[in-house]
Amino acid sequence: MDEPWRFRTVESGVRSGGLGVYDLRGRVAVVVGGSSGIGAATSRRLASAGARVVVGYRTGAERARDIVGCLDGNGHVATQIDATDAASLSRLAEMVSAGYGRVDVLVNSAGTTRRVAHGDLDALSDEDFDAIMVANVRAPFATIRALRPLLESSGDAVVVNVSSIAGFTGSGSSVAYCASKSALDSITRSLGRALGPKMRFVSVAPAAVDTDFVPGRSREAIQAQASSTPLKVLADPDDIALSILGAVTHLRLSTGAVIVTDGGKFLV
């Protein structure tokens, strides 16, 4: 195996202290849930930084192909990934191994929820609870497990799990969703400890983002939540994508960490 790679710097970047703008040229990124929302914005940012991006989708094939067609650079591909299905993840690993031979960045951005009042315990069925936990907890873990050999081939890989402040505030679309994000953050911590130094693990935890992720949640509701935060900023998917890119390229000593990107929502 080659020596562990390090992010190169662009010579035209910041000069002071010998620092530069980090880039991802020659690196391979897999974005699960890359056809919409935060995943799509992340795919664009990673490609702009020079990475070849595997845009994973579950049902949004046309969206994913459109995104790939608009990405900077070349070597990108759209592929169906059902992270809840072991056979689908095996096919993903085989495809990436044959086409790229490594994974330097993995972003677990897929997930699900259902809006259920926390006090209405009867409205949150066992089936809904299990579906949320499988999609938001087991699936990211299974994806990491399936791609582990390719991540280890990088020598300095980064796994970013898209979480939520619901994981530590207990306030979100449902009790099950809050529990799932808390569990996902625990996976980030556990694997950060267990799989270093060849891999780093980071959770990025936004509050409400201007997407249609939560069924039944209006844009007005998202704006109202943003206006209640100290920064009073309506979070766009690209805001979160920039945080993910920063975690990959600049937070070189961070692993097992939860990076809060919520405009200060957790403070109120």
Protein backbone atom coordinates (compact mmCIF):
# COMPACT_ATOMS: atom_id res chain seq x y z
CA MET A 1 0.00 0.00 0.00
CA ASP A 2 1.14 3.54 -0.74
CA GLU A 3 2.09 5.84 2.09
CA PRO A 4 -0.97 7.42 3.77
CA TRP A 5 -1.93 10.45 1.74
CA ARG A 6 -2.34 13.94 3.08
CA PHE A 7 -4.51 16.68 1.68
CA ARG A 8 -2.44 18.84 -0.62
CA THR A 9 -2.57 22.60 -0.55
CA VAL A 10 -3.17 24.94 -3.41
CA GLU A 11 -0.21 27.27 -3.80
CA SER A 12 -2.44 30.25 -4.53
CA GLY A 13 -4.17 29.84 -1.18
CA VAL A 14 -3.64 31.62 2.09
CA ARG A 15 0.02 32.48 2.48
CA SER A 16 0.40 33.33 6.13
CA GLY A 17 2.08 30.65 8.17
CA GLY A 18 2.60 28.52 5.07
CA LEU A 19 -1.05 27.50 4.99
CA GLY A 20 -3.01 26.92 1.79
CA VAL A 21 -6.44 25.93 0.57
CA TYR A 22 -6.81 22.17 0.85
CA ASP A 23 -7.98 20.24 -2.18
CA LEU A 24 -9.15 16.71 -2.93
CA ARG A 25 -7.67 16.09 -6.35
CA GLY A 26 -7.14 12.39 -6.95
CA ARG A 27 -9.39 11.38 -4.05
CA VAL A 28 -12.58 9.32 -4.14
CA ALA A 29 -15.74 10.25 -2.23
CA VAL A 30 -18.89 8.20 -1.75
CA VAL A 31 -22.01 10.14 -0.78
CA VAL A 32 -24.90 7.97 0.38
CA GLY A 33 -28.12 9.91 -0.08
CA GLY A 34 -26.40 12.11 -2.62
CA SER A 35 -29.35 12.82 -4.91
CA SER A 36 -31.02 15.57 -2.90
CA GLY A 37 -30.72 18.00 -0.01
CA ILE A 38 -27.54 17.94 2.04
CA GLY A 39 -26.17 14.97 0.11
CA ALA A 40 -26.52 16.71 -3.25
CA ALA A 41 -24.92 19.91 -1.95
CA THR A 42 -22.09 17.85 -0.47
CA SER A 43 -21.51 16.04 -3.76
CA ARG A 44 -21.13 19.41 -5.47
CA ARG A 45 -18.71 20.74 -2.86
CA LEU A 46 -16.53 17.62 -2.88
CA ALA A 47 -16.36 17.65 -6.68
CA SER A 48 -15.48 21.35 -6.67
CA ALA A 49 -12.60 20.50 -4.35
CA GLY A 50 -11.32 17.98 -6.89
CA ALA A 51 -12.73 14.65 -5.70
CA ARG A 52 -14.26 12.01 -7.92
CA VAL A 53 -17.71 11.47 -6.43
CA VAL A 54 -19.94 8.41 -6.30
CA VAL A 55 -23.44 9.88 -5.92
CA GLY A 56 -25.59 7.28 -4.21
CA TYR A 57 -29.35 7.32 -4.47
CA ARG A 58 -32.11 4.99 -3.37
CA THR A 59 -35.01 6.14 -5.58
CA GLY A 60 -33.92 9.44 -7.13
CA ALA A 61 -32.10 8.05 -10.18
CA GLU A 62 -32.88 10.96 -12.48
CA ARG A 63 -31.92 13.53 -9.85
CA ALA A 64 -28.65 11.72 -9.21
CA ARG A 65 -27.79 11.57 -12.91
CA ASP A 66 -28.57 15.28 -13.27
CA ILE A 67 -26.27 16.06 -10.34
CA VAL A 68 -23.44 13.98 -11.79
CA GLY A 69 -23.84 15.78 -15.10
CA CYS A 70 -23.36 19.15 -13.41
CA LEU A 71 -20.41 18.32 -11.16
CA ASP A 72 -17.03 19.94 -11.68
CA GLY A 73 -14.30 17.65 -12.97
CA ASN A 74 -14.74 14.11 -14.19
CA GLY A 75 -14.80 10.52 -12.99
CA HIS A 76 -18.14 10.90 -11.20
CA VAL A 77 -20.89 8.28 -11.26
CA ALA A 78 -24.43 7.83 -9.97
CA THR A 79 -25.33 4.48 -8.47
CA GLN A 80 -28.25 3.02 -6.58
CA ILE A 81 -27.50 2.34 -2.93
CA ASP A 82 -30.01 0.86 -0.52
CA ALA A 83 -27.99 1.06 2.66
CA THR A 84 -30.58 -1.03 4.50
CA ASP A 85 -29.84 -3.99 2.19
CA ALA A 86 -26.64 -6.02 2.55
CA ALA A 87 -26.64 -7.15 -1.08
CA SER A 88 -26.86 -3.56 -2.30
CA LEU A 89 -23.90 -2.57 -0.14
CA SER A 90 -21.89 -5.54 -1.43
CA ARG A 91 -22.55 -4.41 -4.99
CA LEU A 92 -21.48 -0.89 -4.06
CA ALA A 93 -18.20 -2.15 -2.60
CA GLU A 94 -17.52 -4.24 -5.70
CA MET A 95 -18.30 -1.37 -8.05
CA VAL A 96 -16.14 1.14 -6.17
CA SER A 97 -13.30 -1.37 -5.85
CA ALA A 98 -13.32 -2.11 -9.57
CA GLY A 99 -13.69 1.51 -10.65
CA TYR A 100 -11.61 3.39 -8.08
CA GLY A 101 -9.79 0.96 -5.80
CA ARG A 102 -10.23 3.07 -2.68
CA VAL A 103 -12.53 5.39 -0.73
CA ASP A 104 -11.04 8.49 0.84
CA VAL A 105 -14.27 10.16 1.96
CA LEU A 106 -17.57 8.55 2.93
CA VAL A 107 -20.56 10.74 3.70
CA ASN A 108 -23.59 9.01 5.24
CA SER A 109 -26.33 11.50 4.40
CA ALA A 110 -29.32 9.23 3.83
CA GLY A 111 -31.98 8.89 6.51
CA THR A 112 -35.65 9.05 7.31
CA THR A 113 -38.09 10.27 9.90
CA ARG A 114 -41.78 10.66 10.64
CA ARG A 115 -43.27 13.67 12.38
CA VAL A 116 -44.89 12.47 15.62
CA ALA A 117 -45.55 14.54 18.72
CA HIS A 118 -43.23 13.37 21.49
CA GLY A 119 -46.05 13.03 24.00
CA ASP A 120 -48.23 10.90 21.70
CA LEU A 121 -46.61 7.55 22.41
CA ASP A 122 -49.36 5.55 20.74
CA ALA A 123 -48.87 7.39 17.44
CA LEU A 124 -45.30 6.14 17.09
CA SER A 125 -45.78 2.54 16.02
CA ASP A 126 -43.23 -0.22 16.46
CA GLU A 127 -42.96 -0.42 12.67
CA ASP A 128 -42.16 3.29 12.35
CA PHE A 129 -39.69 3.17 15.22
CA ASP A 130 -37.87 0.19 13.71
CA ALA A 131 -37.79 1.73 10.22
CA ILE A 132 -36.23 4.94 11.54
CA MET A 133 -33.60 3.08 13.54
CA VAL A 134 -32.70 0.81 10.62
CA ALA A 135 -32.34 3.70 8.16
CA ASN A 136 -30.58 6.13 10.49
CA VAL A 137 -28.40 3.80 12.58
CA ARG A 138 -27.94 0.34 11.15
CA ALA A 139 -27.60 1.52 7.55
CA PRO A 140 -24.70 3.96 8.14
CA PHE A 141 -22.92 1.35 10.23
CA ALA A 142 -23.46 -1.32 7.57
CA THR A 143 -22.15 1.05 4.89
CA ILE A 144 -18.99 1.70 6.86
CA ARG A 145 -18.55 -2.04 7.41
CA ALA A 146 -19.01 -2.82 3.71
CA LEU A 147 -16.54 -0.12 2.60
CA ARG A 148 -14.01 -0.62 5.40
CA PRO A 149 -11.35 -2.32 3.22
CA LEU A 150 -11.59 0.51 0.67
CA LEU A 151 -11.44 3.14 3.40
CA GLU A 152 -8.38 1.44 4.89
CA SER A 153 -6.77 1.48 1.44
CA SER A 154 -6.80 5.26 1.65
CA GLY A 155 -4.68 5.27 4.78
CA ASP A 156 -6.22 8.56 5.90
CA ALA A 157 -9.93 8.28 5.19
CA VAL A 158 -12.70 10.41 6.64
CA VAL A 159 -16.24 9.25 7.42
CA VAL A 160 -18.82 11.98 7.98
CA ASN A 161 -22.16 10.98 9.46
CA VAL A 162 -24.93 13.54 8.93
CA SER A 163 -26.56 13.72 12.34
CA SER A 164 -28.75 16.33 14.06
CA ILE A 165 -28.82 18.35 17.24
CA ALA A 166 -31.86 16.19 18.01
CA GLY A 167 -29.33 13.56 19.06
CA PHE A 168 -28.35 15.53 22.16
CA THR A 169 -31.25 17.96 22.69
CA GLY A 170 -34.01 15.33 22.52
CA SER A 171 -36.06 17.78 20.46
CA GLY A 172 -36.86 16.76 16.89
CA SER A 173 -39.45 15.30 14.58
CA SER A 174 -40.06 12.24 16.77
CA VAL A 175 -38.70 10.39 19.77
CA ALA A 176 -37.38 7.69 17.44
CA TYR A 177 -35.57 10.23 15.29
CA CYS A 178 -33.87 11.76 18.35
CA ALA A 179 -32.85 8.31 19.55
CA SER A 180 -31.48 7.39 16.13
CA LYS A 181 -29.25 10.45 15.90
CA SER A 182 -27.95 9.93 19.41
CA ALA A 183 -27.06 6.37 18.41
CA LEU A 184 -25.39 7.59 15.22
CA ASP A 185 -23.21 9.97 17.24
CA SER A 186 -22.28 7.06 19.49
CA ILE A 187 -21.17 5.10 16.42
CA THR A 188 -19.04 8.08 15.42
CA ARG A 189 -17.34 8.05 18.82
CA SER A 190 -16.92 4.27 18.99
CA LEU A 191 -15.46 3.88 15.51
CA GLY A 192 -13.30 6.97 15.89
CA ARG A 193 -11.66 5.18 18.81
CA ALA A 194 -11.58 1.72 17.23
CA LEU A 195 -10.52 2.40 13.64
CA GLY A 196 -7.91 5.13 13.91
CA PRO A 197 -5.41 6.09 12.65
CA LYS A 198 -6.43 4.96 9.17
CA MET A 199 -9.86 6.56 9.48
CA ARG A 200 -11.38 9.60 11.13
CA PHE A 201 -15.05 9.83 12.06
CA VAL A 202 -17.04 13.03 12.43
CA SER A 203 -20.75 13.73 12.93
CA VAL A 204 -22.10 16.98 11.52
CA ALA A 205 -25.19 18.04 13.45
CA PRO A 206 -27.49 20.71 11.98
CA ALA A 207 -30.88 21.85 13.21
CA ALA A 208 -33.67 22.37 10.67
CA VAL A 209 -32.33 22.79 7.13
CA ASP A 210 -34.23 24.28 4.22
CA THR A 211 -35.15 20.94 2.61
CA ASP A 212 -38.26 18.77 2.45
CA PHE A 213 -36.68 16.08 4.64
CA VAL A 214 -39.37 16.10 7.35
CA PRO A 215 -42.77 15.22 5.87
CA GLY A 216 -45.35 17.85 6.71
CA ARG A 217 -42.88 20.49 7.86
CA SER A 218 -43.40 23.76 6.01
CA ARG A 219 -40.73 26.23 4.95
CA GLU A 220 -42.41 28.74 7.24
CA ALA A 221 -41.80 26.42 10.17
CA ILE A 222 -38.11 26.17 9.26
CA GLN A 223 -37.87 29.95 8.97
CA ALA A 224 -39.57 30.38 12.34
CA GLN A 225 -37.08 28.01 13.94
CA ALA A 226 -34.17 29.86 12.35
CA SER A 227 -35.46 33.20 13.59
CA SER A 228 -35.42 31.89 17.15
CA THR A 229 -31.68 31.13 17.05
CA PRO A 230 -28.92 33.53 18.11
CA LEU A 231 -27.59 33.79 14.53
CA LYS A 232 -31.07 33.98 12.94
CA VAL A 233 -29.82 32.24 9.79
CA LEU A 234 -31.97 29.96 7.66
CA ALA A 235 -29.69 27.00 7.02
CA ASP A 236 -29.27 26.02 3.38
CA PRO A 237 -28.02 22.53 2.39
CA ASP A 238 -24.84 24.16 1.13
CA ASP A 239 -24.14 25.54 4.61
CA ILE A 240 -24.02 21.98 5.90
CA ALA A 241 -22.03 20.82 2.85
CA LEU A 242 -19.38 23.44 3.61
CA SER A 243 -19.18 22.16 7.18
CA ILE A 244 -18.73 18.62 5.87
CA LEU A 245 -16.00 19.77 3.48
CA GLY A 246 -14.29 21.62 6.31
CA ALA A 247 -14.42 18.54 8.53
CA VAL A 248 -12.81 16.51 5.76
CA THR A 249 -10.09 18.94 4.74
CA HIS A 250 -9.28 21.10 7.75
CA LEU A 251 -10.22 19.37 11.01
CA ARG A 252 -7.22 17.08 10.77
CA LEU A 253 -7.11 16.27 14.50
CA SER A 254 -10.84 15.74 15.01
CA THR A 255 -12.23 12.23 15.30
CA GLY A 256 -15.21 10.94 17.24
CA ALA A 257 -16.43 14.53 17.34
CA VAL A 258 -19.86 16.06 16.81
CA ILE A 259 -19.63 19.32 14.86
CA VAL A 260 -22.68 21.46 15.61
CA THR A 261 -23.86 23.58 12.65
CA ASP A 262 -27.20 24.92 13.88
CA GLY A 263 -26.94 28.71 14.13
CA GLY A 264 -26.96 28.33 17.90
CA LYS A 265 -30.33 26.58 18.07
CA PHE A 266 -29.14 24.26 20.81
CA LEU A 267 -28.56 27.29 23.03
CA VAL A 268 -32.23 28.26 23.18
